[in-house]
Amino acid sequence: MNIIDLRSDTVTRPTEAMRAAMAAAEVGDDVYGDDPTVLRLQHHLAELAGKEAGLFLPSGTQSNLTALMAHCGRGDEALVGAKAHAYWYEGGGMAVLGSIQPQPVAQHADGTLDLALAEKLVKPDDVHHGVTKLLCLENTWFGRVMPEAYPDQARAFCDRHGLGLHLDGARLFNAAVQQKRPLADLTAAFDSVSLCLSKGLGAPVGSVLVGSKDLIKRAHRWRKVLGGGMRQAGVLAAAGLHALAHHVDRLAEDHHHAELLAEGLGRLPGMTVDTVATNMVFVRPAPAEPGRLQRFMRERGILIGESNPLRLVLHLDIQRGDIEPVIAAFAAFQQSQQG
């Protein structure tokens, strides 16, 4: 049975060409700083993002955490979206491992933070409070793209308060493709940016943190402390370089497939579908016994999550011909609910 996995864009398998690039990778010991393929990846992504330096890390979670720890000291505070990945989905790492106090801020429907509210949450210089040091943003957020003018507004806010500005750009290439803008345009306002290679770009593992040389030097130390030092990591970096060379422009296909899926599901009775911005479709099927929809779809070779609303993620392993079977399966489920 052909499996159509819509749980996330992290489920992709390396292509044959990517596997060949990994097998042929020139390697060294990255802890000593002499893996040439890792060095090329770090330099290339830093250049694409318009930053001085980059650091290859095993995961986006560790990349965000090393950035936060490079910006903040023990007991400092970071302003972060109340539903941001770094606050909601990363195990509380900034507090548990970084000794950083998160200050959640309400988000607008597009994922941007309410800067007027954030202004009130910046702590005064007083021994009773943690020192506010950083503002963290995310692009894309639940598939939504940050408005073009917002980063400059956030930069001005940070400059007024002497804060650093970090971007969780796990799917920033999706935003760049959707807005038809160079990556550096989307990163210019930020002091640090975490870029994931193992989501829409299809690499098996890895993220790169980019920023100034000084910030990356501090992050490098925290990567070691957090256990992120890898040895012959060039085999992984080669996958990232291949993805950057071959899998960026094709993200537009995922966005188009998401639109087709949303359009088809939106025609089904009892199905509510949110507006699609990039590669994610959020739907609310007719209420059902918990787990029944997932079992129904799995029996038809379709893997989905259990969130509400349900998130369906398009990626390079989903082809145009997979869309209609998914719509048909949802239609069959809706009919079974009515029966």
Protein backbone atom coordinates (compact mmCIF):
# COMPACT_ATOMS: atom_id res chain seq x y z
CA MET A 1 0.00 0.00 0.00
CA ASN A 2 1.26 3.48 -0.89
CA ILE A 3 1.47 5.46 2.36
CA ILE A 4 0.47 9.12 2.24
CA ASP A 5 1.94 10.69 5.37
CA LEU A 6 0.42 14.10 6.17
CA ARG A 7 1.50 14.30 9.81
CA SER A 8 4.41 16.68 9.17
CA ASP A 9 7.01 17.76 6.64
CA THR A 10 9.59 16.14 8.93
CA VAL A 11 8.62 12.65 7.68
CA THR A 12 10.33 12.96 4.28
CA ARG A 13 12.86 10.37 3.14
CA PRO A 14 16.16 11.39 1.52
CA THR A 15 16.01 11.22 -2.27
CA GLU A 16 18.43 8.98 -4.13
CA ALA A 17 20.37 12.05 -5.25
CA MET A 18 20.59 13.26 -1.65
CA ARG A 19 21.80 9.83 -0.50
CA ALA A 20 24.48 9.91 -3.19
CA ALA A 21 25.62 13.35 -2.02
CA MET A 22 25.80 12.08 1.56
CA ALA A 23 27.80 9.01 0.55
CA ALA A 24 30.29 11.15 -1.35
CA ALA A 25 30.69 13.81 1.35
CA GLU A 26 34.18 14.88 2.35
CA VAL A 27 34.39 14.71 6.15
CA GLY A 28 36.54 15.70 9.08
CA ASP A 29 35.93 16.12 12.81
CA ASP A 30 33.48 18.96 13.32
CA VAL A 31 34.23 19.27 17.05
CA TYR A 32 37.75 20.26 15.98
CA GLY A 33 36.20 22.51 13.35
CA ASP A 34 37.76 20.71 10.41
CA ASP A 35 34.85 19.04 8.65
CA PRO A 36 34.94 20.79 5.25
CA THR A 37 31.35 19.95 4.30
CA VAL A 38 29.99 21.32 7.57
CA LEU A 39 32.07 24.46 7.07
CA ARG A 40 30.66 24.89 3.56
CA LEU A 41 27.08 24.47 4.80
CA GLN A 42 27.55 26.97 7.63
CA HIS A 43 29.15 29.53 5.33
CA HIS A 44 26.58 29.05 2.57
CA LEU A 45 23.55 29.50 4.82
CA ALA A 46 25.11 32.47 6.62
CA GLU A 47 25.71 34.05 3.22
CA LEU A 48 22.15 33.36 2.06
CA ALA A 49 20.83 34.94 5.25
CA GLY A 50 23.16 37.94 5.09
CA LYS A 51 24.86 37.06 8.38
CA GLU A 52 28.51 36.73 9.39
CA ALA A 53 28.57 33.13 10.57
CA GLY A 54 26.61 29.91 10.97
CA LEU A 55 26.54 26.89 13.27
CA PHE A 56 25.29 23.42 12.31
CA LEU A 57 23.19 21.71 14.99
CA PRO A 58 21.32 18.39 15.21
CA SER A 59 17.84 19.90 15.59
CA GLY A 60 15.77 23.06 15.46
CA THR A 61 15.02 22.70 19.16
CA GLN A 62 18.71 22.74 20.01
CA SER A 63 19.33 25.58 17.55
CA ASN A 64 16.68 27.75 19.23
CA LEU A 65 17.97 26.89 22.69
CA THR A 66 21.62 27.66 21.89
CA ALA A 67 20.51 30.99 20.42
CA LEU A 68 18.51 31.84 23.53
CA MET A 69 21.44 30.91 25.76
CA ALA A 70 23.81 32.96 23.62
CA HIS A 71 21.55 36.00 24.03
CA CYS A 72 20.53 35.57 27.68
CA GLY A 73 22.23 34.85 30.97
CA ARG A 74 20.95 32.93 33.96
CA GLY A 75 17.78 34.59 35.26
CA ASP A 76 17.27 36.79 32.20
CA GLU A 77 13.94 36.90 30.40
CA ALA A 78 12.83 36.31 26.82
CA LEU A 79 9.57 37.64 25.37
CA VAL A 80 8.04 34.87 23.27
CA GLY A 81 4.72 34.11 21.59
CA ALA A 82 2.19 32.37 23.81
CA LYS A 83 1.83 29.65 21.15
CA ALA A 84 5.36 29.85 19.74
CA HIS A 85 7.25 26.62 19.11
CA ALA A 86 10.15 27.64 21.37
CA TYR A 87 7.72 28.13 24.27
CA TRP A 88 5.02 25.53 23.59
CA TYR A 89 6.75 22.59 21.92
CA GLU A 90 10.37 22.46 23.07
CA GLY A 91 10.03 20.87 26.49
CA GLY A 92 10.52 24.08 28.45
CA GLY A 93 14.20 23.97 27.54
CA MET A 94 14.79 27.70 27.89
CA ALA A 95 13.75 27.47 31.54
CA VAL A 96 14.94 23.95 32.38
CA LEU A 97 18.35 24.07 30.69
CA GLY A 98 18.91 27.74 29.95
CA SER A 99 17.68 29.21 33.24
CA ILE A 100 15.85 31.77 31.09
CA GLN A 101 12.47 33.05 32.19
CA PRO A 102 9.94 32.95 29.33
CA GLN A 103 7.43 35.79 29.23
CA PRO A 104 4.62 34.68 26.90
CA VAL A 105 2.95 37.37 24.79
CA ALA A 106 -0.43 37.06 23.07
CA GLN A 107 -0.22 36.56 19.31
CA HIS A 108 -2.34 37.90 16.48
CA ALA A 109 -3.95 35.54 13.96
CA ASP A 110 -0.90 35.83 11.68
CA GLY A 111 1.45 34.80 14.50
CA THR A 112 2.92 38.25 15.13
CA LEU A 113 3.19 39.40 18.72
CA ASP A 114 1.18 42.32 20.00
CA LEU A 115 4.04 44.80 20.44
CA ALA A 116 1.86 47.20 22.44
CA LEU A 117 1.27 44.41 24.95
CA ALA A 118 4.92 43.36 24.81
CA GLU A 119 5.87 46.96 25.70
CA LYS A 120 4.00 46.57 28.98
CA LEU A 121 5.73 43.26 29.70
CA VAL A 122 9.31 44.52 29.43
CA LYS A 123 10.50 44.46 33.03
CA PRO A 124 11.80 47.59 34.77
CA ASP A 125 15.39 47.69 36.02
CA ASP A 126 14.56 46.40 39.48
CA VAL A 127 15.99 43.59 41.64
CA HIS A 128 12.51 42.07 41.89
CA HIS A 129 12.44 41.17 38.19
CA GLY A 130 14.31 39.14 35.68
CA VAL A 131 16.11 41.28 33.11
CA THR A 132 14.28 41.34 29.77
CA LYS A 133 16.94 40.62 27.14
CA LEU A 134 15.33 39.13 24.05
CA LEU A 135 12.30 39.09 21.76
CA CYS A 136 11.65 35.78 19.95
CA LEU A 137 9.54 35.57 16.79
CA GLU A 138 8.58 32.73 14.43
CA ASN A 139 8.13 32.58 10.64
CA THR A 140 6.23 30.66 9.41
CA TRP A 141 3.84 30.10 12.32
CA PHE A 142 1.24 27.36 11.84
CA GLY A 143 1.90 27.79 8.14
CA ARG A 144 1.21 31.54 8.22
CA VAL A 145 3.76 33.98 6.81
CA MET A 146 4.92 36.99 8.79
CA PRO A 147 3.77 40.29 7.19
CA GLU A 148 6.61 42.01 5.34
CA ALA A 149 6.62 45.17 7.45
CA TYR A 150 6.55 43.45 10.84
CA PRO A 151 10.26 42.54 11.31
CA ASP A 152 11.26 46.21 11.03
CA GLN A 153 8.59 47.12 13.59
CA ALA A 154 9.96 44.43 15.91
CA ARG A 155 13.52 45.68 15.32
CA ALA A 156 12.52 49.22 16.28
CA PHE A 157 10.80 47.86 19.42
CA CYS A 158 13.95 45.94 20.39
CA ASP A 159 16.20 48.94 19.74
CA ARG A 160 14.04 51.11 22.02
CA HIS A 161 14.42 48.61 24.85
CA GLY A 162 17.94 47.34 24.22
CA LEU A 163 16.77 43.82 23.36
CA GLY A 164 18.15 41.18 21.04
CA LEU A 165 15.87 39.79 18.32
CA HIS A 166 15.78 36.08 17.47
CA LEU A 167 13.79 34.34 14.75
CA ASP A 168 12.72 30.73 14.80
CA GLY A 169 12.82 30.33 11.03
CA ALA A 170 12.28 26.58 10.93
CA ARG A 171 10.17 27.02 7.78
CA LEU A 172 11.53 30.38 6.68
CA PHE A 173 12.25 29.08 3.18
CA ASN A 174 8.51 28.43 2.80
CA ALA A 175 7.91 32.08 3.65
CA ALA A 176 10.60 33.27 1.22
CA VAL A 177 9.12 31.20 -1.61
CA GLN A 178 5.57 32.29 -0.81
CA GLN A 179 6.53 35.98 -0.76
CA LYS A 180 9.01 35.61 -3.68
CA ARG A 181 11.74 37.34 -1.67
CA PRO A 182 15.41 36.52 -1.04
CA LEU A 183 16.07 34.86 2.29
CA ALA A 184 18.27 37.78 3.38
CA ASP A 185 15.29 40.13 3.11
CA LEU A 186 13.42 38.07 5.70
CA THR A 187 16.40 37.82 8.09
CA ALA A 188 17.80 41.35 7.89
CA ALA A 189 16.11 42.68 11.04
CA PHE A 190 17.19 39.78 13.25
CA ASP A 191 20.31 39.23 15.37
CA SER A 192 19.99 35.45 15.10
CA VAL A 193 17.96 33.07 12.95
CA SER A 194 17.44 29.33 13.27
CA LEU A 195 16.95 27.62 9.87
CA CYS A 196 15.76 24.02 9.67
CA LEU A 197 16.91 21.64 6.92
CA SER A 198 14.80 18.61 7.90
CA LYS A 199 11.32 19.99 7.30
CA GLY A 200 10.22 21.19 3.87
CA LEU A 201 13.74 20.99 2.48
CA GLY A 202 13.78 17.23 3.04
CA ALA A 203 17.15 16.64 4.70
CA PRO A 204 17.12 13.81 7.28
CA VAL A 205 18.42 15.94 10.15
CA GLY A 206 19.87 19.29 11.07
CA SER A 207 19.43 23.04 11.51
CA VAL A 208 21.79 25.97 11.11
CA LEU A 209 21.88 28.97 13.43
CA VAL A 210 23.12 32.17 11.78
CA GLY A 211 24.14 35.50 13.27
CA SER A 212 27.15 37.63 14.09
CA LYS A 213 30.55 36.03 14.67
CA ASP A 214 30.41 36.90 18.36
CA LEU A 215 26.94 35.41 18.84
CA ILE A 216 27.84 32.23 16.97
CA LYS A 217 30.99 31.88 19.09
CA ARG A 218 28.86 31.95 22.24
CA ALA A 219 26.33 29.57 20.69
CA HIS A 220 29.13 27.19 19.72
CA ARG A 221 30.07 26.80 23.39
CA TRP A 222 26.46 26.15 24.39
CA ARG A 223 26.09 23.59 21.60
CA LYS A 224 28.94 21.67 23.21
CA VAL A 225 27.38 21.96 26.68
CA LEU A 226 24.06 20.68 25.32
CA GLY A 227 25.67 17.65 23.71
CA GLY A 228 25.36 18.89 20.14
CA GLY A 229 28.99 18.44 19.13
CA MET A 230 29.12 15.95 16.24
CA ARG A 231 32.16 14.36 14.66
CA GLN A 232 32.12 13.34 10.96
CA ALA A 233 28.97 15.38 10.48
CA GLY A 234 29.73 16.15 6.84
CA VAL A 235 27.53 13.24 5.76
CA LEU A 236 24.60 15.14 7.30
CA ALA A 237 25.73 18.56 6.12
CA ALA A 238 25.93 17.21 2.56
CA ALA A 239 22.22 16.45 2.72
CA GLY A 240 21.58 20.03 3.76
CA LEU A 241 23.70 21.43 0.91
CA HIS A 242 21.87 19.20 -1.57
CA ALA A 243 18.51 20.37 -0.19
CA LEU A 244 19.49 24.02 -0.53
CA ALA A 245 20.59 23.45 -4.12
CA HIS A 246 17.59 21.38 -5.25
CA HIS A 247 14.63 21.62 -2.84
CA VAL A 248 13.99 25.31 -2.21
CA ASP A 249 12.15 26.42 -5.36
CA ARG A 250 10.06 23.25 -5.35
CA LEU A 251 8.45 24.33 -2.05
CA ALA A 252 6.01 26.18 -4.32
CA GLU A 253 4.68 22.73 -5.33
CA ASP A 254 3.87 21.94 -1.69
CA HIS A 255 2.04 25.25 -1.39
CA HIS A 256 0.05 24.51 -4.56
CA HIS A 257 -0.78 21.00 -3.35
CA ALA A 258 -1.97 22.47 -0.04
CA GLU A 259 -4.29 24.82 -1.93
CA LEU A 260 -5.69 21.93 -3.98
CA LEU A 261 -6.24 19.82 -0.86
CA ALA A 262 -7.92 22.70 0.98
CA GLU A 263 -10.15 23.42 -2.00
CA GLY A 264 -11.25 19.80 -2.27
CA LEU A 265 -11.87 19.36 1.46
CA GLY A 266 -13.74 22.65 1.57
CA ARG A 267 -16.35 21.22 -0.80
CA LEU A 268 -17.23 18.43 1.64
CA PRO A 269 -20.30 18.90 3.86
CA GLY A 270 -19.51 19.41 7.52
CA MET A 271 -15.86 20.26 6.85
CA THR A 272 -14.40 23.63 7.88
CA VAL A 273 -11.08 24.56 6.23
CA ASP A 274 -8.86 27.50 7.19
CA THR A 275 -7.21 29.72 4.59
CA VAL A 276 -3.96 28.23 3.28
CA ALA A 277 -0.77 30.33 3.22
CA THR A 278 2.03 27.80 2.64
CA ASN A 279 2.22 24.01 3.00
CA MET A 280 -0.22 23.42 5.86
CA VAL A 281 -3.96 22.81 5.74
CA PHE A 282 -5.99 23.13 8.93
CA VAL A 283 -9.38 21.42 8.87
CA ARG A 284 -12.19 20.68 11.31
CA PRO A 285 -14.00 17.49 10.30
CA ALA A 286 -17.35 16.46 11.73
CA PRO A 287 -16.99 15.44 15.40
CA ALA A 288 -16.11 11.80 15.91
CA GLU A 289 -15.02 9.38 18.60
CA PRO A 290 -11.38 10.21 19.51
CA GLY A 291 -8.99 8.29 17.30
CA ARG A 292 -11.69 7.05 14.91
CA LEU A 293 -10.72 9.40 12.08
CA GLN A 294 -7.04 8.48 12.44
CA ARG A 295 -7.86 4.75 12.33
CA PHE A 296 -10.21 5.21 9.38
CA MET A 297 -7.54 7.06 7.38
CA ARG A 298 -4.74 4.69 8.39
CA GLU A 299 -6.72 1.76 7.01
CA ARG A 300 -6.66 3.59 3.68
CA GLY A 301 -2.92 4.25 3.81
CA ILE A 302 -3.17 7.86 4.99
CA LEU A 303 -1.38 9.00 8.16
CA ILE A 304 -2.68 12.08 9.98
CA GLY A 305 -2.23 13.57 13.44
CA GLU A 306 -4.76 14.01 16.22
CA SER A 307 -4.73 17.79 16.67
CA ASN A 308 -7.87 19.91 16.67
CA PRO A 309 -8.05 21.56 14.24
CA LEU A 310 -6.38 18.82 12.27
CA ARG A 311 -3.09 19.84 10.62
CA LEU A 312 -2.31 18.29 7.23
CA VAL A 313 1.20 19.03 5.98
CA LEU A 314 2.30 18.81 2.36
CA HIS A 315 5.92 17.99 1.48
CA LEU A 316 8.19 16.59 -1.20
CA ASP A 317 6.99 12.99 -0.68
CA ILE A 318 3.39 13.99 -1.48
CA GLN A 319 2.65 14.06 -5.20
CA ARG A 320 -0.19 15.66 -7.14
CA GLY A 321 -1.79 12.24 -7.57
CA ASP A 322 -2.02 11.79 -3.77
CA ILE A 323 -4.43 14.70 -3.30
CA GLU A 324 -7.63 13.15 -4.69
CA PRO A 325 -7.32 9.90 -2.66
CA VAL A 326 -7.02 12.00 0.50
CA ILE A 327 -10.10 14.06 -0.37
CA ALA A 328 -12.00 10.87 -1.23
CA ALA A 329 -11.04 9.28 2.09
CA PHE A 330 -12.25 12.31 4.04
CA ALA A 331 -15.49 12.26 2.04
CA ALA A 332 -15.98 8.59 2.91
CA PHE A 333 -15.37 9.36 6.57
CA GLN A 334 -17.86 12.22 6.56
CA GLN A 335 -20.46 9.90 4.99
CA SER A 336 -19.77 7.23 7.62
CA GLN A 337 -20.41 9.81 10.34
CA GLN A 338 -23.76 10.71 8.85
CA GLY A 339 -24.72 7.05 8.71
